[in-house]
Structure formats: C-alpha cells, structure tokens
C-alpha atoms as a PDB file:
ATOM      1  CA  UNK A   1      20.101  -9.964   5.513  1.00  0.00           C
ATOM      2  CA  UNK A   2      19.304  -9.043   1.897  1.00  0.00           C
ATOM      3  CA  UNK A   3      22.354  -7.726  -0.035  1.00  0.00           C
ATOM      4  CA  UNK A   4      22.054  -4.489  -1.345  1.00  0.00           C
ATOM      5  CA  UNK A   5      23.941  -4.924  -4.412  1.00  0.00           C
ATOM      6  CA  UNK A   6      22.334  -8.537  -5.703  1.00  0.00           C
ATOM      7  CA  UNK A   7      19.143  -8.583  -3.930  1.00  0.00           C
ATOM      8  CA  UNK A   8      19.978 -12.290  -2.422  1.00  0.00           C
ATOM      9  CA  UNK A   9      19.328 -13.197   1.125  1.00  0.00           C
ATOM     10  CA  UNK A  10      22.075 -13.969   3.331  1.00  0.00           C
ATOM     11  CA  UNK A  11      22.377 -14.934   6.909  1.00  0.00           C
ATOM     12  CA  UNK A  12      21.549 -12.381   9.418  1.00  0.00           C
ATOM     13  CA  UNK A  13      25.053 -11.876  11.010  1.00  0.00           C
ATOM     14  CA  UNK A  14      26.978 -11.918   7.349  1.00  0.00           C
ATOM     15  CA  UNK A  15      29.519  -9.385   6.713  1.00  0.00           C
ATOM     16  CA  UNK A  16      29.902 -10.167   3.027  1.00  0.00           C
ATOM     17  CA  UNK A  17      27.573 -11.513   0.353  1.00  0.00           C
ATOM     18  CA  UNK A  18      28.219 -15.241  -0.231  1.00  0.00           C
ATOM     19  CA  UNK A  19      26.766 -14.501  -4.252  1.00  0.00           C
ATOM     20  CA  UNK A  20      28.533 -11.654  -5.440  1.00  0.00           C
ATOM     21  CA  UNK A  21      30.994 -10.805  -2.717  1.00  0.00           C
ATOM     22  CA  UNK A  22      29.715  -7.325  -1.679  1.00  0.00           C
ATOM     23  CA  UNK A  23      29.773  -6.023   1.776  1.00  0.00           C
ATOM     24  CA  UNK A  24      26.346  -6.528   3.512  1.00  0.00           C
ATOM     25  CA  UNK A  25      25.893  -2.842   5.659  1.00  0.00           C
ATOM     26  CA  UNK A  26      24.580  -3.627   9.349  1.00  0.00           C
ATOM     27  CA  UNK A  27      23.255  -0.338   9.552  1.00  0.00           C
ATOM     28  CA  UNK A  28      19.830  -1.518   7.053  1.00  0.00           C
ATOM     29  CA  UNK A  29      17.095  -3.922   7.655  1.00  0.00           C
ATOM     30  CA  UNK A  30      14.909  -5.678   5.099  1.00  0.00           C
ATOM     31  CA  UNK A  31      11.144  -6.141   5.359  1.00  0.00           C
ATOM     32  CA  UNK A  32       9.034  -8.776   4.270  1.00  0.00           C
ATOM     33  CA  UNK A  33       8.284  -7.008   1.093  1.00  0.00           C
ATOM     34  CA  UNK A  34      11.647  -6.997   0.371  1.00  0.00           C
ATOM     35  CA  UNK A  35      12.942  -3.434   1.085  1.00  0.00           C
ATOM     36  CA  UNK A  36      15.860  -2.502   2.592  1.00  0.00           C
ATOM     37  CA  UNK A  37      15.994   0.591   5.220  1.00  0.00           C
ATOM     38  CA  UNK A  38      17.704   2.219   7.756  1.00  0.00           C
ATOM     39  CA  UNK A  39      18.089   0.057  10.711  1.00  0.00           C
ATOM     40  CA  UNK A  40      17.481   2.790  13.451  1.00  0.00           C
ATOM     41  CA  UNK A  41      13.719   2.758  11.825  1.00  0.00           C
ATOM     42  CA  UNK A  42      11.366   0.898  13.491  1.00  0.00           C
ATOM     43  CA  UNK A  43       9.276  -0.026  10.185  1.00  0.00           C
ATOM     44  CA  UNK A  44       9.654  -0.192   6.838  1.00  0.00           C
ATOM     45  CA  UNK A  45       9.114   3.730   5.427  1.00  0.00           C
ATOM     46  CA  UNK A  46       8.397   2.429   1.656  1.00  0.00           C
ATOM     47  CA  UNK A  47       5.431  -0.283   2.943  1.00  0.00           C
ATOM     48  CA  UNK A  48       1.813   1.076   3.606  1.00  0.00           C
ATOM     49  CA  UNK A  49       1.469   0.918   7.345  1.00  0.00           C
ATOM     50  CA  UNK A  50      -2.369   0.751   8.836  1.00  0.00           C
ATOM     51  CA  UNK A  51      -2.750   4.127  10.189  1.00  0.00           C
ATOM     52  CA  UNK A  52      -1.650   5.722   6.950  1.00  0.00           C
ATOM     53  CA  UNK A  53      -4.125   3.448   4.964  1.00  0.00           C
ATOM     54  CA  UNK A  54      -6.868   4.498   7.209  1.00  0.00           C
ATOM     55  CA  UNK A  55      -5.898   7.668   7.146  1.00  0.00           C
ATOM     56  CA  UNK A  56      -6.210   7.829   3.249  1.00  0.00           C
ATOM     57  CA  UNK A  57      -9.622   5.667   3.243  1.00  0.00           C
ATOM     58  CA  UNK A  58     -11.138   8.492   5.734  1.00  0.00           C
ATOM     59  CA  UNK A  59     -10.036  11.242   3.725  1.00  0.00           C
ATOM     60  CA  UNK A  60     -11.403   9.791   0.104  1.00  0.00           C
ATOM     61  CA  UNK A  61     -14.492   8.683   1.720  1.00  0.00           C
ATOM     62  CA  UNK A  62     -15.468  11.691   3.856  1.00  0.00           C
ATOM     63  CA  UNK A  63     -14.256  14.203   0.715  1.00  0.00           C
ATOM     64  CA  UNK A  64     -16.548  16.433  -0.809  1.00  0.00           C
ATOM     65  CA  UNK A  65     -16.537  17.905  -4.022  1.00  0.00           C
ATOM     66  CA  UNK A  66     -16.095  21.483  -4.350  1.00  0.00           C
ATOM     67  CA  UNK A  67     -17.181  23.371  -7.559  1.00  0.00           C
ATOM     68  CA  UNK A  68     -16.606  26.836  -8.402  1.00  0.00           C
ATOM     69  CA  UNK A  69     -19.730  28.805  -8.664  1.00  0.00           C
ATOM     70  CA  UNK A  70     -18.548  32.218  -8.808  1.00  0.00           C
ATOM     71  CA  UNK A  71     -20.569  35.190  -7.335  1.00  0.00           C
ATOM     72  CA  UNK A  72     -24.088  33.430  -8.432  1.00  0.00           C
ATOM     73  CA  UNK A  73     -23.787  31.331  -5.256  1.00  0.00           C
ATOM     74  CA  UNK A  74     -26.083  31.930  -2.332  1.00  0.00           C
ATOM     75  CA  UNK A  75     -26.407  30.682   0.905  1.00  0.00           C
ATOM     76  CA  UNK A  76     -29.907  30.215   2.548  1.00  0.00           C
ATOM     77  CA  UNK A  77     -31.082  30.419   6.245  1.00  0.00           C
ATOM     78  CA  UNK A  78     -30.043  26.969   6.942  1.00  0.00           C
ATOM     79  CA  UNK A  79     -26.363  27.667   5.676  1.00  0.00           C
ATOM     80  CA  UNK A  80     -26.455  25.566   2.757  1.00  0.00           C
ATOM     81  CA  UNK A  81     -25.122  26.695  -0.830  1.00  0.00           C
ATOM     82  CA  UNK A  82     -28.125  27.072  -3.781  1.00  0.00           C
ATOM     83  CA  UNK A  83     -27.088  27.349  -7.326  1.00  0.00           C
ATOM     84  CA  UNK A  84     -28.657  29.866  -9.829  1.00  0.00           C
ATOM     85  CA  UNK A  85     -30.465  27.798 -12.849  1.00  0.00           C
ATOM     86  CA  UNK A  86     -28.052  29.441 -15.241  1.00  0.00           C
ATOM     87  CA  UNK A  87     -25.286  27.675 -13.515  1.00  0.00           C
ATOM     88  CA  UNK A  88     -27.260  24.414 -13.568  1.00  0.00           C
ATOM     89  CA  UNK A  89     -26.924  24.257 -17.317  1.00  0.00           C
ATOM     90  CA  UNK A  90     -23.122  25.633 -17.509  1.00  0.00           C
ATOM     91  CA  UNK A  91     -20.860  22.763 -18.080  1.00  0.00           C
ATOM     92  CA  UNK A  92     -18.079  22.935 -15.308  1.00  0.00           C
ATOM     93  CA  UNK A  93     -14.411  22.538 -15.275  1.00  0.00           C
ATOM     94  CA  UNK A  94     -13.593  19.229 -12.962  1.00  0.00           C
ATOM     95  CA  UNK A  95     -10.028  17.774 -11.866  1.00  0.00           C
ATOM     96  CA  UNK A  96      -9.183  14.700 -10.000  1.00  0.00           C
ATOM     97  CA  UNK A  97      -6.833  14.794  -6.715  1.00  0.00           C
ATOM     98  CA  UNK A  98      -5.054  11.401  -5.706  1.00  0.00           C
ATOM     99  CA  UNK A  99      -4.005  11.477  -2.348  1.00  0.00           C
ATOM    100  CA  UNK A 100      -1.043   9.134  -1.283  1.00  0.00           C
ATOM    101  CA  UNK A 101      -0.114   7.269  -4.518  1.00  0.00           C
ATOM    102  CA  UNK A 102       2.494   4.600  -4.052  1.00  0.00           C
ATOM    103  CA  UNK A 103       5.752   4.855  -5.694  1.00  0.00           C
ATOM    104  CA  UNK A 104       6.338   3.566  -8.895  1.00  0.00           C
ATOM    105  CA  UNK A 105       8.272   0.246  -8.601  1.00  0.00           C
ATOM    106  CA  UNK A 106       8.476  -0.642 -12.423  1.00  0.00           C
ATOM    107  CA  UNK A 107       8.365   2.142 -14.907  1.00  0.00           C
ATOM    108  CA  UNK A 108      10.585   4.378 -17.277  1.00  0.00           C
ATOM    109  CA  UNK A 109      12.931   7.298 -16.020  1.00  0.00           C
ATOM    110  CA  UNK A 110      12.107   9.883 -18.998  1.00  0.00           C
ATOM    111  CA  UNK A 111      14.681  12.293 -17.806  1.00  0.00           C
ATOM    112  CA  UNK A 112      17.386  10.029 -18.939  1.00  0.00           C
ATOM    113  CA  UNK A 113      15.795   9.409 -22.381  1.00  0.00           C
ATOM    114  CA  UNK A 114      16.564  12.052 -24.251  1.00  0.00           C
ATOM    115  CA  UNK A 115      17.431  10.334 -27.547  1.00  0.00           C
ATOM    116  CA  UNK A 116      15.284   9.017 -30.351  1.00  0.00           C
ATOM    117  CA  UNK A 117      13.028   6.123 -29.706  1.00  0.00           C
ATOM    118  CA  UNK A 118      14.209   2.748 -31.507  1.00  0.00           C
ATOM    119  CA  UNK A 119      12.242  -0.156 -30.037  1.00  0.00           C
ATOM    120  CA  UNK A 120      10.592  -1.675 -27.173  1.00  0.00           C
ATOM    121  CA  UNK A 121      10.755  -4.400 -24.741  1.00  0.00           C
ATOM    122  CA  UNK A 122       7.445  -6.276 -23.786  1.00  0.00           C
ATOM    123  CA  UNK A 123       6.479  -8.649 -21.197  1.00  0.00           C
ATOM    124  CA  UNK A 124       3.680 -10.140 -19.865  1.00  0.00           C
ATOM    125  CA  UNK A 125       5.163 -11.398 -16.594  1.00  0.00           C
ATOM    126  CA  UNK A 126       5.171  -7.912 -14.770  1.00  0.00           C
ATOM    127  CA  UNK A 127       1.529  -7.332 -15.734  1.00  0.00           C
ATOM    128  CA  UNK A 128      -0.838 -10.002 -17.181  1.00  0.00           C
ATOM    129  CA  UNK A 129      -1.967  -7.119 -19.428  1.00  0.00           C
ATOM    130  CA  UNK A 130       1.233  -6.478 -20.862  1.00  0.00           C
ATOM    131  CA  UNK A 131       3.947  -4.073 -19.579  1.00  0.00           C
ATOM    132  CA  UNK A 132       6.376  -1.991 -22.385  1.00  0.00           C
ATOM    133  CA  UNK A 133       9.525   0.024 -21.831  1.00  0.00           C
ATOM    134  CA  UNK A 134      10.990   2.212 -24.547  1.00  0.00           C
ATOM    135  CA  UNK A 135      14.441   1.683 -26.223  1.00  0.00           C
ATOM    136  CA  UNK A 136      16.208   4.426 -27.277  1.00  0.00           C
ATOM    137  CA  UNK A 137      19.175   5.119 -29.575  1.00  0.00           C
ATOM    138  CA  UNK A 138      22.367   5.035 -27.531  1.00  0.00           C
ATOM    139  CA  UNK A 139      22.367   3.614 -24.378  1.00  0.00           C
ATOM    140  CA  UNK A 140      19.681   2.103 -22.407  1.00  0.00           C
ATOM    141  CA  UNK A 141      20.357   0.878 -18.787  1.00  0.00           C
ATOM    142  CA  UNK A 142      18.042  -1.597 -17.108  1.00  0.00           C
ATOM    143  CA  UNK A 143      18.139  -2.648 -13.179  1.00  0.00           C
ATOM    144  CA  UNK A 144      16.697  -1.677  -9.975  1.00  0.00           C
ATOM    145  CA  UNK A 145      18.830   1.542  -9.225  1.00  0.00           C
ATOM    146  CA  UNK A 146      16.529   4.896  -9.891  1.00  0.00           C
ATOM    147  CA  UNK A 147      19.633   5.885 -11.919  1.00  0.00           C
ATOM    148  CA  UNK A 148      18.724   3.352 -14.727  1.00  0.00           C
ATOM    149  CA  UNK A 149      16.587   4.413 -17.860  1.00  0.00           C
ATOM    150  CA  UNK A 150      14.360   1.479 -16.913  1.00  0.00           C
ATOM    151  CA  UNK A 151      13.811   0.754 -13.469  1.00  0.00           C
ATOM    152  CA  UNK A 152      12.538  -2.620 -12.493  1.00  0.00           C
ATOM    153  CA  UNK A 153      12.437  -3.217  -8.692  1.00  0.00           C
ATOM    154  CA  UNK A 154      12.484  -6.882  -8.568  1.00  0.00           C
ATOM    155  CA  UNK A 155      14.478  -9.165  -6.339  1.00  0.00           C
ATOM    156  CA  UNK A 156      15.798 -11.054  -9.153  1.00  0.00           C
ATOM    157  CA  UNK A 157      17.125  -7.884 -10.796  1.00  0.00           C
ATOM    158  CA  UNK A 158      20.406  -6.282  -9.891  1.00  0.00           C
ATOM    159  CA  UNK A 159      21.192  -2.601  -9.385  1.00  0.00           C
ATOM    160  CA  UNK A 160      22.517  -2.311 -12.693  1.00  0.00           C
ATOM    161  CA  UNK A 161      21.512  -5.582 -14.643  1.00  0.00           C
ATOM    162  CA  UNK A 162      21.863  -4.903 -18.423  1.00  0.00           C
ATOM    163  CA  UNK A 163      22.912  -2.629 -21.022  1.00  0.00           C
ATOM    164  CA  UNK A 164      21.260  -2.192 -24.359  1.00  0.00           C
ATOM    165  CA  UNK A 165      23.234  -0.274 -27.136  1.00  0.00           C
ATOM    166  CA  UNK A 166      21.918   1.116 -30.097  1.00  0.00           C
ATOM    167  CA  UNK A 167      23.513   2.894 -32.962  1.00  0.00           C
ATOM    168  CA  UNK A 168      22.732   2.521 -36.802  1.00  0.00           C
ATOM    169  CA  UNK A 169      20.186   0.059 -36.353  1.00  0.00           C
ATOM    170  CA  UNK A 170      22.382  -2.261 -34.340  1.00  0.00           C
ATOM    171  CA  UNK A 171      21.494  -3.335 -31.164  1.00  0.00           C
ATOM    172  CA  UNK A 172      24.117  -5.001 -28.710  1.00  0.00           C
ATOM    173  CA  UNK A 173      23.267  -6.307 -25.255  1.00  0.00           C
ATOM    174  CA  UNK A 174      25.788  -6.185 -22.556  1.00  0.00           C
ATOM    175  CA  UNK A 175      25.330  -7.763 -19.246  1.00  0.00           C
ATOM    176  CA  UNK A 176      26.520  -5.814 -16.162  1.00  0.00           C
ATOM    177  CA  UNK A 177      27.774  -8.631 -13.937  1.00  0.00           C
ATOM    178  CA  UNK A 178      24.428  -9.231 -12.647  1.00  0.00           C
ATOM    179  CA  UNK A 179      23.634 -11.765  -9.927  1.00  0.00           C
ATOM    180  CA  UNK A 180      21.163 -13.818 -11.854  1.00  0.00           C
ATOM    181  CA  UNK A 181      22.390 -13.393 -15.405  1.00  0.00           C
ATOM    182  CA  UNK A 182      20.881 -12.034 -18.778  1.00  0.00           C
ATOM    183  CA  UNK A 183      19.892 -14.398 -21.375  1.00  0.00           C
ATOM    184  CA  UNK A 184      18.989 -13.947 -25.019  1.00  0.00           C
ATOM    185  CA  UNK A 185      17.008 -16.896 -26.763  1.00  0.00           C
ATOM    186  CA  UNK A 186      18.003 -19.129 -24.112  1.00  0.00           C
ATOM    187  CA  UNK A 187      21.888 -18.516 -24.330  1.00  0.00           C
ATOM    188  CA  UNK A 188      23.572 -16.676 -21.368  1.00  0.00           C
ATOM    189  CA  UNK A 189      25.098 -13.248 -22.369  1.00  0.00           C
ATOM    190  CA  UNK A 190      28.685 -13.897 -21.103  1.00  0.00           C
ATOM    191  CA  UNK A 191      29.596 -10.398 -22.333  1.00  0.00           C
ATOM    192  CA  UNK A 192      28.244  -8.993 -25.421  1.00  0.00           C
ATOM    193  CA  UNK A 193      25.892 -10.037 -27.800  1.00  0.00           C
ATOM    194  CA  UNK A 194      24.070  -8.558 -31.088  1.00  0.00           C
ATOM    195  CA  UNK A 195      20.082  -9.034 -30.566  1.00  0.00           C
ATOM    196  CA  UNK A 196      17.537  -8.571 -33.005  1.00  0.00           C
ATOM    197  CA  UNK A 197      13.839  -7.756 -33.625  1.00  0.00           C
ATOM    198  CA  UNK A 198      11.084 -10.467 -31.667  1.00  0.00           C
ATOM    199  CA  UNK A 199      14.480 -11.867 -29.872  1.00  0.00           C
ATOM    200  CA  UNK A 200      13.224 -13.282 -26.216  1.00  0.00           C
ATOM    201  CA  UNK A 201      15.635 -11.460 -23.431  1.00  0.00           C
ATOM    202  CA  UNK A 202      15.477 -12.935 -20.120  1.00  0.00           C
ATOM    203  CA  UNK A 203      16.731 -10.587 -16.934  1.00  0.00           C
ATOM    204  CA  UNK A 204      16.859 -13.237 -14.276  1.00  0.00           C
ATOM    205  CA  UNK A 205      13.539 -14.885 -14.417  1.00  0.00           C
ATOM    206  CA  UNK A 206      11.627 -12.540 -16.159  1.00  0.00           C
ATOM    207  CA  UNK A 207      11.226 -12.627 -19.887  1.00  0.00           C
ATOM    208  CA  UNK A 208      10.939  -9.718 -22.416  1.00  0.00           C
ATOM    209  CA  UNK A 209       9.986  -9.559 -25.815  1.00  0.00           C
ATOM    210  CA  UNK A 210      12.295  -7.114 -28.102  1.00  0.00           C
ATOM    211  CA  UNK A 211      10.336  -5.200 -30.641  1.00  0.00           C
ATOM    212  CA  UNK A 212      12.389  -2.806 -33.186  1.00  0.00           C
ATOM    213  CA  UNK A 213      11.407  -0.133 -35.162  1.00  0.00           C
END
C-alpha cells in the first residue's frame, strides 16, 4: 500500500507509514502506475483503459473534416456535396479538436501565480528536451498536490515538498518536511537556505537548475 503523504510503499496490511508516520487509509488502492484511487473502484480511473483507447482511436481514424461552405454548397443526385469554383479559391478557417487528452501530470498552476516573474527552474530529467517552470515573486510552492504552484506528480516528490520565497531579489528555499529531502549544490536543506543563480536544486532524485532574472 502506498502512503498518500510521502508516496513510499508499505506492507499491504500497514496502518501507518513506516517512513513518515502518516496514517494509511484502507479505502484506497494503488495501481501499477503509482496512482492512489478509491478502493471501491474495480480499476484505476486515472489510467487509460483498452476500451477507452480503442474508442478514441476509432473516433479519430473515422472522423471527417467538416468545413462550413455557406449557402453555396450543393448536393448532387448521389447525395455527395459539391463546392463551387469560388469556394475552391477561398482560404477557410480551420480548427483542431483534441479528444481524450491525458491529465497533465507535470506543469504549472497559473491561477496561483499572480505576481511578477522572478526566474525559472529547469530540468532535463523530466523531459530529455528540457522542462522549465516559472518562479514568481512571493511564495512558489512545489509538490505533487494540485494546490502547489508547480505540480510534479512523481513518486519521489511529496505532496508539499518545498517552498521558494522571493523578495527584494533575495531567494530562500525551505524544505516542507519532505520524505526524500531537498538539496542545494549537494547540501541537504535542513530548514531554510539562500539560493542564487545557477544553483543546482534537487528534490529527491530530480535535479533542477535555478535561473534568476
């Protein structure tokens, strides 16, 4: 059974997490992909299932492009639509519709970022092409929970893992009692620590480079 607080695996009959001491609810199950969900459900609601994937694939492959041709569209005796020559030379507005997009597991919560941009966290471990996250003046919370400014839904990240405080061009990082710890240039953050441009910040095993404006 996976602990909902720190994400660590425990025995199936465990009532409390042996890593962080949090109570482990028996009303939840953990799927092979690491998602916690209601134990009353037969399967994980966050993972794509074969029948859903098949339905989406069929819908995409069988979809037809519909273009609004106005009143000049005609239907021939076989029921097919015909387009006038004038319409052929007209540039038409096109829109793309995406069906069944997956939930964002790693990203930002823009509704919680009302302040001025102060810098970025950049990681090449979450994406080989590079992934960057904005740091704003004031408080920037990072963790797995949707209540954070930066959401990283990875097993080694705690629900509320770390807090970055920015004020008057000074940046302070504060570990939020995370299970796997926070490190700056290889040194563990016990409580608070000042960070500067180009410092390496590691959350558990995931490394970031801090870039400040």
